[in-house]
Every structure is written in C-alpha cells, then in structure tokens.
C-alpha cells in the first residue's frame, strides 16, 4: 500500500481496507469494520474547515488522524483525499493477543478490538501518533490477498448524517462493534 491507495474517494477506501492487516508495533489484526467521513459530510470533523484539531485531515493521504472521542477514548483514522478519512472501527485480532488482553483486561478475543476506543486501547494508539504516516513504524499495513465479501450500513454513535450507509464491514465477521 502507498499514498495512491488512500488518495481516492473515502467510500472506496473504506470498503477496500476490509481484510487489510493492520499492526501497530507488531500488535493487531485484520480490519473488519470501517466508517467513511468526508468534508461535505456534516458528521465529519472537517465539515467546518481546517482547525488545529483536525489539521491531519487536510494533510497528505496516508496520515494517521487520531483524536479523543468525548474526552475518553482515542479513535484512529487514516486520511484519504483532502478533508476525508476512514475511521477504523474493528479488527479481528491475530497478532499479539496476550499484549492486547493485558492492555484491555479482556480475555475474549471477539471483544478485544470491537469498537474504535477498544481498538486503540488494544493497539496502544494515542494522540502522539496523530499525523504520523501509516506507511512507516510503528504502523504496518498489508493488503488482503483476496477481498472479503462485505456489507454496508448506517454509521454508529453520531447524530448528524447518521442515515448514510457509510459503515463497511466484513460480512459475517464476529469481531464487529455492532452487526450490520
């Protein structure tokens, strides 16, 4: 994967990321759920323009955009075209399970990375990683050898433009934050 993969419409990228192996310092798994946000979307952090907090969304494609949700949980996004990003919502954990269990104090693999806050805690993603390139350490992205069958549905946990079917998930995955 390179910058050109992400320098496309966020809806295409959100679907195409499914099945990709995401590791952070060797810990992670397969992306099974994403959400798309673009600048003309009222639910997007970039909707009202560039600010100090959302500046990463206006950077080059392939940057990490990491922010706090409700002051509690980190959320990890990857920047696509200007002003757009894909939120990584859930992983099927495959690498570093013991480390993730220790970080989350949860033994059930299905729950380790289900939801953006849980995913960030399990992978130790913090605001210090905001604006880092996902093509260099500590990140590793490996595309799937075969694209999984996926489905789309409405986004979760937002009040504006919630009806848009911009959440993408591997069909039948038991590792989703919520069924599609």
N, C-alpha and C. Protein backbone atom coordinates (compact mmCIF):
# COMPACT_ATOMS: atom_id res chain seq x y z
N UNK A 1 0.84 -1.18 0.00
CA UNK A 1 0.00 0.00 0.00
C UNK A 1 0.88 1.23 0.00
N UNK A 2 0.40 2.26 -0.69
CA UNK A 2 1.13 3.52 -0.71
C UNK A 2 0.12 4.66 -0.71
N UNK A 3 0.63 5.87 -0.84
CA UNK A 3 -0.22 7.05 -0.77
C UNK A 3 -1.35 7.02 -1.80
N UNK A 4 -1.10 6.47 -2.98
CA UNK A 4 -2.13 6.45 -4.03
C UNK A 4 -3.34 5.61 -3.62
N UNK A 5 -3.14 4.60 -2.80
CA UNK A 5 -4.27 3.79 -2.32
C UNK A 5 -5.27 4.67 -1.57
N UNK A 6 -4.74 5.59 -0.75
CA UNK A 6 -5.59 6.44 0.08
C UNK A 6 -6.02 7.73 -0.62
N UNK A 7 -5.37 8.12 -1.69
CA UNK A 7 -5.69 9.37 -2.39
C UNK A 7 -6.87 9.16 -3.34
N UNK A 8 -7.92 8.59 -2.80
CA UNK A 8 -9.13 8.28 -3.56
C UNK A 8 -10.35 8.64 -2.72
N UNK A 9 -11.53 8.47 -3.32
CA UNK A 9 -12.75 8.73 -2.59
C UNK A 9 -12.81 7.85 -1.33
N UNK A 10 -13.17 8.46 -0.23
CA UNK A 10 -13.15 7.79 1.06
C UNK A 10 -14.09 6.58 1.12
N UNK A 11 -15.18 6.60 0.37
CA UNK A 11 -16.09 5.46 0.37
C UNK A 11 -15.43 4.22 -0.24
N UNK A 12 -14.69 4.42 -1.31
CA UNK A 12 -13.97 3.30 -1.93
C UNK A 12 -12.88 2.79 -1.00
N UNK A 13 -12.15 3.71 -0.38
CA UNK A 13 -11.06 3.30 0.52
C UNK A 13 -11.62 2.54 1.72
N UNK A 14 -12.72 3.03 2.30
CA UNK A 14 -13.31 2.38 3.48
C UNK A 14 -13.66 0.92 3.18
N UNK A 15 -14.21 0.65 2.01
CA UNK A 15 -14.55 -0.72 1.63
C UNK A 15 -13.29 -1.53 1.31
N UNK A 16 -12.35 -0.90 0.60
CA UNK A 16 -11.14 -1.62 0.17
C UNK A 16 -10.17 -1.93 1.31
N UNK A 17 -10.31 -1.26 2.45
CA UNK A 17 -9.46 -1.55 3.61
C UNK A 17 -9.85 -2.84 4.32
N UNK A 18 -11.06 -3.30 4.10
CA UNK A 18 -11.52 -4.52 4.78
C UNK A 18 -10.62 -5.69 4.40
N UNK A 19 -10.23 -6.45 5.41
CA UNK A 19 -9.34 -7.58 5.21
C UNK A 19 -7.87 -7.23 5.27
N UNK A 20 -7.54 -5.94 5.31
CA UNK A 20 -6.14 -5.48 5.42
C UNK A 20 -5.61 -5.79 6.81
N UNK A 21 -4.37 -6.27 6.88
CA UNK A 21 -3.74 -6.50 8.19
C UNK A 21 -3.13 -5.19 8.68
N UNK A 22 -3.59 -4.72 9.83
CA UNK A 22 -3.08 -3.52 10.48
C UNK A 22 -2.36 -3.93 11.75
N UNK A 23 -1.08 -3.58 11.83
CA UNK A 23 -0.31 -3.82 13.04
C UNK A 23 0.27 -2.50 13.52
N UNK A 24 0.34 -2.35 14.83
CA UNK A 24 1.00 -1.21 15.46
C UNK A 24 2.02 -1.80 16.42
N UNK A 25 3.30 -1.57 16.10
CA UNK A 25 4.39 -2.19 16.87
C UNK A 25 4.20 -3.70 16.98
N UNK A 26 3.76 -4.32 15.88
CA UNK A 26 3.62 -5.77 15.81
C UNK A 26 2.35 -6.34 16.40
N UNK A 27 1.45 -5.49 16.90
CA UNK A 27 0.21 -5.94 17.54
C UNK A 27 -0.96 -5.49 16.68
N UNK A 28 -1.92 -6.40 16.43
CA UNK A 28 -3.10 -6.00 15.65
C UNK A 28 -3.79 -7.17 15.01
N UNK A 29 -4.34 -6.92 13.81
CA UNK A 29 -5.09 -7.96 13.13
C UNK A 29 -5.69 -7.47 11.83
N UNK A 30 -6.77 -8.11 11.42
CA UNK A 30 -7.41 -7.82 10.14
C UNK A 30 -8.53 -6.80 10.34
N UNK A 31 -8.54 -5.78 9.51
CA UNK A 31 -9.59 -4.77 9.59
C UNK A 31 -10.90 -5.41 9.13
N UNK A 32 -11.92 -5.36 10.00
CA UNK A 32 -13.22 -5.95 9.67
C UNK A 32 -14.35 -4.93 9.65
N UNK A 33 -14.08 -3.68 10.10
CA UNK A 33 -15.14 -2.67 10.13
C UNK A 33 -14.53 -1.27 10.02
N UNK A 34 -15.12 -0.45 9.15
CA UNK A 34 -14.65 0.92 8.93
C UNK A 34 -15.86 1.86 8.80
N UNK A 35 -15.59 3.16 8.90
CA UNK A 35 -16.59 4.18 8.60
C UNK A 35 -15.93 5.28 7.80
N UNK A 36 -16.67 5.82 6.84
CA UNK A 36 -16.15 6.87 5.97
C UNK A 36 -16.67 8.24 6.39
N UNK A 37 -15.79 9.24 6.33
CA UNK A 37 -16.13 10.64 6.62
C UNK A 37 -15.44 11.52 5.60
N UNK A 38 -16.20 12.42 4.96
CA UNK A 38 -15.59 13.33 4.01
C UNK A 38 -16.04 14.77 4.29
N UNK A 39 -15.39 15.72 3.67
CA UNK A 39 -15.56 17.12 4.03
C UNK A 39 -16.98 17.65 3.82
N UNK A 40 -17.70 17.13 2.85
CA UNK A 40 -19.07 17.60 2.62
C UNK A 40 -20.09 16.88 3.50
N UNK A 41 -19.63 16.17 4.49
CA UNK A 41 -20.42 15.34 5.39
C UNK A 41 -20.54 16.07 6.74
N UNK A 42 -21.76 16.39 7.14
CA UNK A 42 -21.97 17.12 8.39
C UNK A 42 -21.39 16.41 9.61
N UNK A 43 -21.25 15.10 9.56
CA UNK A 43 -20.71 14.34 10.69
C UNK A 43 -19.18 14.36 10.74
N UNK A 44 -18.55 14.86 9.70
CA UNK A 44 -17.09 14.85 9.62
C UNK A 44 -16.48 15.99 10.41
N UNK A 45 -15.35 15.72 11.05
CA UNK A 45 -14.61 16.76 11.76
C UNK A 45 -14.14 17.86 10.82
N UNK A 46 -14.03 17.58 9.54
CA UNK A 46 -13.54 18.56 8.57
C UNK A 46 -14.64 19.41 7.96
N UNK A 47 -15.88 19.16 8.30
CA UNK A 47 -17.02 19.82 7.65
C UNK A 47 -16.95 21.35 7.73
N UNK A 48 -16.52 21.89 8.85
CA UNK A 48 -16.46 23.34 9.03
C UNK A 48 -15.10 23.94 8.65
N UNK A 49 -14.24 23.11 8.06
CA UNK A 49 -12.93 23.61 7.64
C UNK A 49 -11.81 23.19 8.57
N UNK A 50 -10.63 23.59 8.20
CA UNK A 50 -9.42 23.19 8.92
C UNK A 50 -9.30 23.93 10.27
N UNK A 51 -8.93 23.16 11.29
CA UNK A 51 -8.66 23.71 12.61
C UNK A 51 -7.37 23.05 13.11
N UNK A 52 -6.88 23.51 14.24
CA UNK A 52 -5.69 22.88 14.82
C UNK A 52 -5.97 21.42 15.15
N UNK A 53 -7.18 21.13 15.60
CA UNK A 53 -7.53 19.76 15.99
C UNK A 53 -7.69 18.78 14.85
N UNK A 54 -8.16 19.25 13.69
CA UNK A 54 -8.41 18.33 12.57
C UNK A 54 -7.40 18.50 11.44
N UNK A 55 -6.32 19.20 11.66
CA UNK A 55 -5.35 19.52 10.61
C UNK A 55 -4.86 18.29 9.86
N UNK A 56 -4.74 17.17 10.53
CA UNK A 56 -4.28 15.95 9.86
C UNK A 56 -5.18 15.58 8.69
N UNK A 57 -6.48 15.85 8.80
CA UNK A 57 -7.43 15.52 7.73
C UNK A 57 -7.17 16.32 6.46
N UNK A 58 -6.39 17.38 6.56
CA UNK A 58 -6.07 18.21 5.41
C UNK A 58 -4.63 17.98 4.94
N UNK A 59 -4.00 16.97 5.52
CA UNK A 59 -2.64 16.62 5.13
C UNK A 59 -2.62 15.63 3.99
N UNK A 60 -1.46 15.04 3.77
CA UNK A 60 -1.31 14.08 2.68
C UNK A 60 -2.06 12.79 2.97
N UNK A 61 -2.44 12.11 1.94
CA UNK A 61 -3.12 10.82 2.08
C UNK A 61 -2.19 9.83 2.77
N UNK A 62 -2.77 9.06 3.69
CA UNK A 62 -1.99 8.07 4.41
C UNK A 62 -1.50 8.53 5.77
N UNK A 63 -1.93 9.71 6.22
CA UNK A 63 -1.59 10.14 7.58
C UNK A 63 -2.58 9.55 8.57
N UNK A 64 -2.10 9.32 9.78
CA UNK A 64 -2.98 8.93 10.87
C UNK A 64 -3.66 10.19 11.40
N UNK A 65 -4.96 10.11 11.60
CA UNK A 65 -5.71 11.16 12.28
C UNK A 65 -6.26 10.52 13.55
N UNK A 66 -5.68 10.89 14.69
CA UNK A 66 -6.05 10.30 15.98
C UNK A 66 -6.63 11.41 16.84
N UNK A 67 -7.81 11.17 17.38
CA UNK A 67 -8.46 12.18 18.23
C UNK A 67 -9.15 11.49 19.40
N UNK A 68 -9.48 12.28 20.40
CA UNK A 68 -10.23 11.79 21.56
C UNK A 68 -11.72 11.92 21.30
N UNK A 69 -12.44 10.88 21.60
CA UNK A 69 -13.89 10.88 21.49
C UNK A 69 -14.48 11.11 22.87
N UNK A 70 -15.26 12.17 23.00
CA UNK A 70 -15.90 12.52 24.27
C UNK A 70 -14.89 12.63 25.42
N UNK A 71 -13.64 12.95 25.09
CA UNK A 71 -12.62 13.10 26.10
C UNK A 71 -12.20 11.80 26.78
N UNK A 72 -12.66 10.66 26.26
CA UNK A 72 -12.41 9.38 26.92
C UNK A 72 -11.54 8.42 26.11
N UNK A 73 -11.90 8.23 24.86
CA UNK A 73 -11.29 7.17 24.05
C UNK A 73 -10.59 7.76 22.83
N UNK A 74 -9.45 7.16 22.47
CA UNK A 74 -8.78 7.54 21.23
C UNK A 74 -9.50 6.86 20.07
N UNK A 75 -9.53 7.53 18.93
CA UNK A 75 -10.08 6.97 17.70
C UNK A 75 -9.03 7.14 16.60
N UNK A 76 -8.83 6.09 15.82
CA UNK A 76 -7.80 6.05 14.79
C UNK A 76 -8.43 6.08 13.40
N UNK A 77 -8.02 7.06 12.61
CA UNK A 77 -8.48 7.23 11.24
C UNK A 77 -7.27 7.28 10.32
N UNK A 78 -7.51 7.01 9.04
CA UNK A 78 -6.47 7.18 8.04
C UNK A 78 -6.99 8.18 7.00
N UNK A 79 -6.18 9.21 6.74
CA UNK A 79 -6.57 10.29 5.83
C UNK A 79 -6.59 9.78 4.39
N UNK A 80 -7.62 10.18 3.67
CA UNK A 80 -7.76 9.84 2.24
C UNK A 80 -7.59 11.12 1.44
N UNK A 81 -8.53 11.43 0.54
CA UNK A 81 -8.48 12.70 -0.17
C UNK A 81 -8.62 13.83 0.84
N UNK A 82 -8.21 15.03 0.45
CA UNK A 82 -8.24 16.19 1.33
C UNK A 82 -9.58 16.31 2.07
N UNK A 83 -9.49 16.41 3.40
CA UNK A 83 -10.68 16.59 4.22
C UNK A 83 -11.47 15.33 4.49
N UNK A 84 -10.95 14.17 4.10
CA UNK A 84 -11.68 12.92 4.34
C UNK A 84 -10.78 11.91 5.04
N UNK A 85 -11.43 11.00 5.77
CA UNK A 85 -10.69 9.97 6.50
C UNK A 85 -11.58 8.77 6.75
N UNK A 86 -10.94 7.62 6.93
CA UNK A 86 -11.63 6.38 7.27
C UNK A 86 -11.34 6.08 8.73
N UNK A 87 -12.41 5.95 9.51
CA UNK A 87 -12.31 5.52 10.90
C UNK A 87 -12.19 4.00 10.92
N UNK A 88 -11.17 3.49 11.60
CA UNK A 88 -11.02 2.04 11.75
C UNK A 88 -11.82 1.65 12.99
N UNK A 89 -12.91 0.92 12.80
CA UNK A 89 -13.84 0.62 13.90
C UNK A 89 -13.56 -0.71 14.59
N UNK A 90 -13.06 -1.71 13.86
CA UNK A 90 -12.87 -3.02 14.49
C UNK A 90 -11.85 -3.86 13.72
N UNK A 91 -11.16 -4.70 14.48
CA UNK A 91 -10.19 -5.66 13.93
C UNK A 91 -10.53 -7.06 14.42
N UNK A 92 -10.17 -8.03 13.61
CA UNK A 92 -10.11 -9.41 14.09
C UNK A 92 -8.69 -9.61 14.57
N UNK A 93 -8.46 -9.74 15.89
CA UNK A 93 -7.10 -9.79 16.41
C UNK A 93 -6.37 -11.06 15.96
N UNK A 94 -5.13 -10.89 15.47
CA UNK A 94 -4.34 -12.03 15.01
C UNK A 94 -2.90 -12.00 15.52
N UNK A 95 -2.40 -10.84 15.91
CA UNK A 95 -1.00 -10.70 16.32
C UNK A 95 -0.93 -10.00 17.68
N UNK A 96 -0.21 -10.63 18.62
CA UNK A 96 -0.02 -10.01 19.93
C UNK A 96 -1.24 -10.11 20.83
N UNK A 97 -1.93 -11.23 20.77
CA UNK A 97 -3.14 -11.39 21.57
C UNK A 97 -2.89 -11.20 23.06
N UNK A 98 -1.80 -11.73 23.58
CA UNK A 98 -1.51 -11.61 25.01
C UNK A 98 -1.32 -10.15 25.40
N UNK A 99 -0.66 -9.40 24.53
CA UNK A 99 -0.44 -7.98 24.78
C UNK A 99 -1.77 -7.23 24.80
N UNK A 100 -2.65 -7.53 23.84
CA UNK A 100 -3.96 -6.87 23.79
C UNK A 100 -4.80 -7.22 25.02
N UNK A 101 -4.77 -8.48 25.43
CA UNK A 101 -5.52 -8.90 26.62
C UNK A 101 -5.02 -8.13 27.85
N UNK A 102 -3.72 -7.98 27.98
CA UNK A 102 -3.17 -7.23 29.12
C UNK A 102 -3.57 -5.76 29.07
N UNK A 103 -3.56 -5.17 27.90
CA UNK A 103 -3.92 -3.75 27.76
C UNK A 103 -5.40 -3.50 28.03
N UNK A 104 -6.25 -4.44 27.64
CA UNK A 104 -7.69 -4.24 27.75
C UNK A 104 -8.30 -4.91 28.97
N UNK A 105 -7.58 -5.84 29.59
CA UNK A 105 -8.14 -6.62 30.71
C UNK A 105 -9.42 -7.35 30.28
N UNK A 106 -9.39 -7.83 29.06
CA UNK A 106 -10.50 -8.60 28.47
C UNK A 106 -9.89 -9.84 27.84
N UNK A 107 -10.42 -11.00 28.20
CA UNK A 107 -9.85 -12.25 27.69
C UNK A 107 -10.49 -12.72 26.38
N UNK A 108 -11.72 -12.32 26.12
CA UNK A 108 -12.43 -12.80 24.93
C UNK A 108 -11.93 -12.07 23.68
N UNK A 109 -11.32 -12.83 22.77
CA UNK A 109 -10.72 -12.24 21.56
C UNK A 109 -11.72 -11.42 20.77
N UNK A 110 -12.98 -11.84 20.73
CA UNK A 110 -14.01 -11.15 19.96
C UNK A 110 -14.21 -9.71 20.42
N UNK A 111 -13.95 -9.44 21.69
CA UNK A 111 -14.19 -8.10 22.25
C UNK A 111 -12.95 -7.22 22.30
N UNK A 112 -11.78 -7.77 22.01
CA UNK A 112 -10.53 -7.01 22.17
C UNK A 112 -10.48 -5.73 21.33
N UNK A 113 -10.88 -5.81 20.08
CA UNK A 113 -10.75 -4.67 19.15
C UNK A 113 -12.08 -4.32 18.51
N UNK A 114 -13.20 -4.57 19.20
CA UNK A 114 -14.53 -4.27 18.69
C UNK A 114 -14.94 -2.88 19.16
N UNK A 115 -14.86 -1.93 18.26
CA UNK A 115 -15.15 -0.53 18.56
C UNK A 115 -13.87 0.28 18.53
N UNK A 116 -13.95 1.52 18.06
CA UNK A 116 -12.73 2.32 17.87
C UNK A 116 -11.95 2.59 19.14
N UNK A 117 -12.62 2.81 20.26
CA UNK A 117 -11.91 3.05 21.52
C UNK A 117 -11.21 1.79 22.01
N UNK A 118 -11.89 0.65 21.93
CA UNK A 118 -11.28 -0.63 22.33
C UNK A 118 -10.09 -0.96 21.44
N UNK A 119 -10.24 -0.74 20.15
CA UNK A 119 -9.17 -1.00 19.19
C UNK A 119 -7.93 -0.18 19.55
N UNK A 120 -8.12 1.11 19.82
CA UNK A 120 -6.97 1.97 20.14
C UNK A 120 -6.31 1.55 21.44
N UNK A 121 -7.09 1.17 22.42
CA UNK A 121 -6.51 0.72 23.69
C UNK A 121 -5.73 -0.58 23.48
N UNK A 122 -6.29 -1.51 22.73
CA UNK A 122 -5.63 -2.80 22.49
C UNK A 122 -4.33 -2.64 21.72
N UNK A 123 -4.28 -1.67 20.80
CA UNK A 123 -3.10 -1.46 19.96
C UNK A 123 -2.19 -0.35 20.50
N UNK A 124 -2.56 0.25 21.64
CA UNK A 124 -1.81 1.34 22.26
C UNK A 124 -1.65 2.54 21.32
N UNK A 125 -2.73 2.86 20.60
CA UNK A 125 -2.76 4.05 19.73
C UNK A 125 -3.17 5.23 20.58
N UNK A 126 -2.37 6.30 20.53
CA UNK A 126 -2.67 7.51 21.31
C UNK A 126 -2.52 8.74 20.42
N UNK A 127 -2.83 9.87 20.99
CA UNK A 127 -2.72 11.14 20.27
C UNK A 127 -1.31 11.45 19.82
N UNK A 128 -0.32 10.83 20.43
CA UNK A 128 1.07 11.03 20.00
C UNK A 128 1.29 10.51 18.58
N UNK A 129 0.40 9.66 18.10
CA UNK A 129 0.53 9.10 16.75
C UNK A 129 -0.20 9.92 15.70
N UNK A 130 -0.92 10.96 16.12
CA UNK A 130 -1.62 11.83 15.18
C UNK A 130 -0.61 12.43 14.21
N UNK A 131 -0.96 12.42 12.94
CA UNK A 131 -0.16 12.98 11.84
C UNK A 131 1.05 12.12 11.46
N UNK A 132 1.20 10.92 12.01
CA UNK A 132 2.26 10.02 11.56
C UNK A 132 1.81 9.33 10.27
N UNK A 133 2.75 8.98 9.44
CA UNK A 133 2.44 8.23 8.23
C UNK A 133 2.15 6.77 8.60
N UNK A 134 1.10 6.22 8.01
CA UNK A 134 0.78 4.81 8.28
C UNK A 134 1.68 3.86 7.46
N UNK A 135 2.58 4.43 6.67
CA UNK A 135 3.49 3.62 5.86
C UNK A 135 4.82 3.38 6.54
N UNK A 136 5.00 3.88 7.75
CA UNK A 136 6.26 3.72 8.48
C UNK A 136 5.96 3.27 9.91
N UNK A 137 7.00 2.83 10.60
CA UNK A 137 6.85 2.43 12.00
C UNK A 137 6.23 3.55 12.80
N UNK A 138 5.33 3.23 13.70
CA UNK A 138 5.04 1.90 14.25
C UNK A 138 3.97 1.12 13.49
N UNK A 139 3.48 1.68 12.38
CA UNK A 139 2.38 1.05 11.64
C UNK A 139 2.88 0.07 10.58
N UNK A 140 2.05 -0.91 10.31
CA UNK A 140 2.27 -1.83 9.20
C UNK A 140 0.91 -2.16 8.61
N UNK A 141 0.77 -1.98 7.30
CA UNK A 141 -0.46 -2.30 6.58
C UNK A 141 -0.13 -3.28 5.46
N UNK A 142 -0.84 -4.40 5.42
CA UNK A 142 -0.65 -5.41 4.37
C UNK A 142 -2.02 -5.71 3.77
N UNK A 143 -2.18 -5.44 2.47
CA UNK A 143 -3.49 -5.69 1.85
C UNK A 143 -3.82 -7.17 1.82
N UNK A 144 -5.11 -7.49 1.75
CA UNK A 144 -5.51 -8.90 1.70
C UNK A 144 -5.16 -9.52 0.35
N UNK A 145 -4.91 -10.81 0.35
CA UNK A 145 -4.65 -11.49 -0.91
C UNK A 145 -5.95 -11.65 -1.70
N UNK A 146 -7.07 -11.66 -0.99
CA UNK A 146 -8.38 -11.77 -1.61
C UNK A 146 -9.34 -10.87 -0.85
N UNK A 147 -10.11 -10.06 -1.57
CA UNK A 147 -11.05 -9.15 -0.92
C UNK A 147 -12.18 -9.94 -0.27
N UNK A 148 -12.49 -9.62 0.98
CA UNK A 148 -13.61 -10.31 1.64
C UNK A 148 -14.95 -9.80 1.11
N UNK A 149 -15.97 -10.58 1.31
CA UNK A 149 -17.33 -10.15 0.99
C UNK A 149 -17.74 -9.17 2.09
N UNK A 150 -18.30 -8.03 1.70
CA UNK A 150 -18.62 -7.03 2.70
C UNK A 150 -20.05 -6.53 2.55
N UNK A 151 -20.49 -5.81 3.56
CA UNK A 151 -21.82 -5.18 3.57
C UNK A 151 -21.65 -3.76 4.08
N UNK A 152 -22.63 -2.92 3.82
CA UNK A 152 -22.60 -1.56 4.35
C UNK A 152 -23.88 -1.28 5.13
N UNK A 153 -23.77 -0.32 6.05
CA UNK A 153 -24.92 0.07 6.85
C UNK A 153 -24.71 1.46 7.39
N UNK A 154 -25.62 1.89 8.22
CA UNK A 154 -25.54 3.24 8.78
C UNK A 154 -24.40 3.33 9.80
N UNK A 155 -23.88 4.54 9.95
CA UNK A 155 -22.79 4.77 10.90
C UNK A 155 -23.33 4.75 12.33
N UNK A 156 -22.41 4.60 13.28
CA UNK A 156 -22.76 4.42 14.68
C UNK A 156 -22.25 5.59 15.51
N UNK A 157 -23.04 6.00 16.50
CA UNK A 157 -22.57 6.95 17.50
C UNK A 157 -22.49 8.39 17.05
N UNK A 158 -23.21 8.75 16.00
CA UNK A 158 -23.22 10.14 15.53
C UNK A 158 -24.67 10.62 15.45
N UNK A 159 -24.85 11.94 15.48
CA UNK A 159 -26.21 12.47 15.41
C UNK A 159 -26.51 13.12 14.06
N UNK A 160 -25.49 13.59 13.35
CA UNK A 160 -25.69 14.22 12.05
C UNK A 160 -25.35 13.24 10.94
N UNK A 161 -26.16 13.22 9.90
CA UNK A 161 -25.95 12.36 8.73
C UNK A 161 -25.77 10.89 9.11
N UNK A 162 -26.44 10.49 10.17
CA UNK A 162 -26.32 9.12 10.67
C UNK A 162 -26.96 8.10 9.72
N UNK A 163 -27.86 8.55 8.87
CA UNK A 163 -28.58 7.62 7.99
C UNK A 163 -27.75 7.16 6.79
N UNK A 164 -26.62 7.81 6.56
CA UNK A 164 -25.80 7.42 5.40
C UNK A 164 -25.20 6.03 5.61
N UNK A 165 -25.27 5.17 4.60
CA UNK A 165 -24.74 3.81 4.74
C UNK A 165 -23.22 3.77 4.51
N UNK A 166 -22.49 4.50 5.34
CA UNK A 166 -21.05 4.66 5.15
C UNK A 166 -20.24 3.88 6.18
N UNK A 167 -20.86 2.87 6.77
CA UNK A 167 -20.12 1.93 7.62
C UNK A 167 -19.99 0.65 6.81
N UNK A 168 -18.78 0.12 6.77
CA UNK A 168 -18.48 -1.06 5.96
C UNK A 168 -17.94 -2.15 6.87
N UNK A 169 -18.34 -3.40 6.61
CA UNK A 169 -17.91 -4.50 7.47
C UNK A 169 -17.78 -5.79 6.66
N UNK A 170 -16.88 -6.63 7.12
CA UNK A 170 -16.75 -7.96 6.54
C UNK A 170 -18.01 -8.74 6.91
N UNK A 171 -18.72 -9.19 5.89
CA UNK A 171 -19.98 -9.90 6.12
C UNK A 171 -19.72 -11.15 6.97
N UNK A 172 -20.52 -11.29 8.03
CA UNK A 172 -20.44 -12.47 8.89
C UNK A 172 -19.34 -12.44 9.93
N UNK A 173 -18.55 -11.39 9.99
CA UNK A 173 -17.48 -11.33 11.00
C UNK A 173 -18.08 -11.26 12.40
N UNK A 174 -17.51 -12.02 13.31
CA UNK A 174 -17.97 -11.98 14.70
C UNK A 174 -17.20 -10.95 15.53
N UNK A 175 -16.33 -10.18 14.87
CA UNK A 175 -15.47 -9.22 15.57
C UNK A 175 -15.94 -7.78 15.41
N UNK A 176 -17.12 -7.56 14.86
CA UNK A 176 -17.63 -6.21 14.64
C UNK A 176 -18.03 -5.55 15.95
N UNK A 177 -18.05 -4.21 15.94
CA UNK A 177 -18.50 -3.49 17.12
C UNK A 177 -20.01 -3.64 17.29
N UNK A 178 -20.72 -3.78 16.19
CA UNK A 178 -22.15 -3.98 16.17
C UNK A 178 -22.50 -4.60 14.82
N UNK A 179 -23.43 -5.54 14.79
CA UNK A 179 -23.77 -6.15 13.48
C UNK A 179 -24.26 -5.12 12.48
N UNK A 180 -24.03 -5.41 11.23
CA UNK A 180 -24.53 -4.53 10.15
C UNK A 180 -25.87 -5.02 9.69
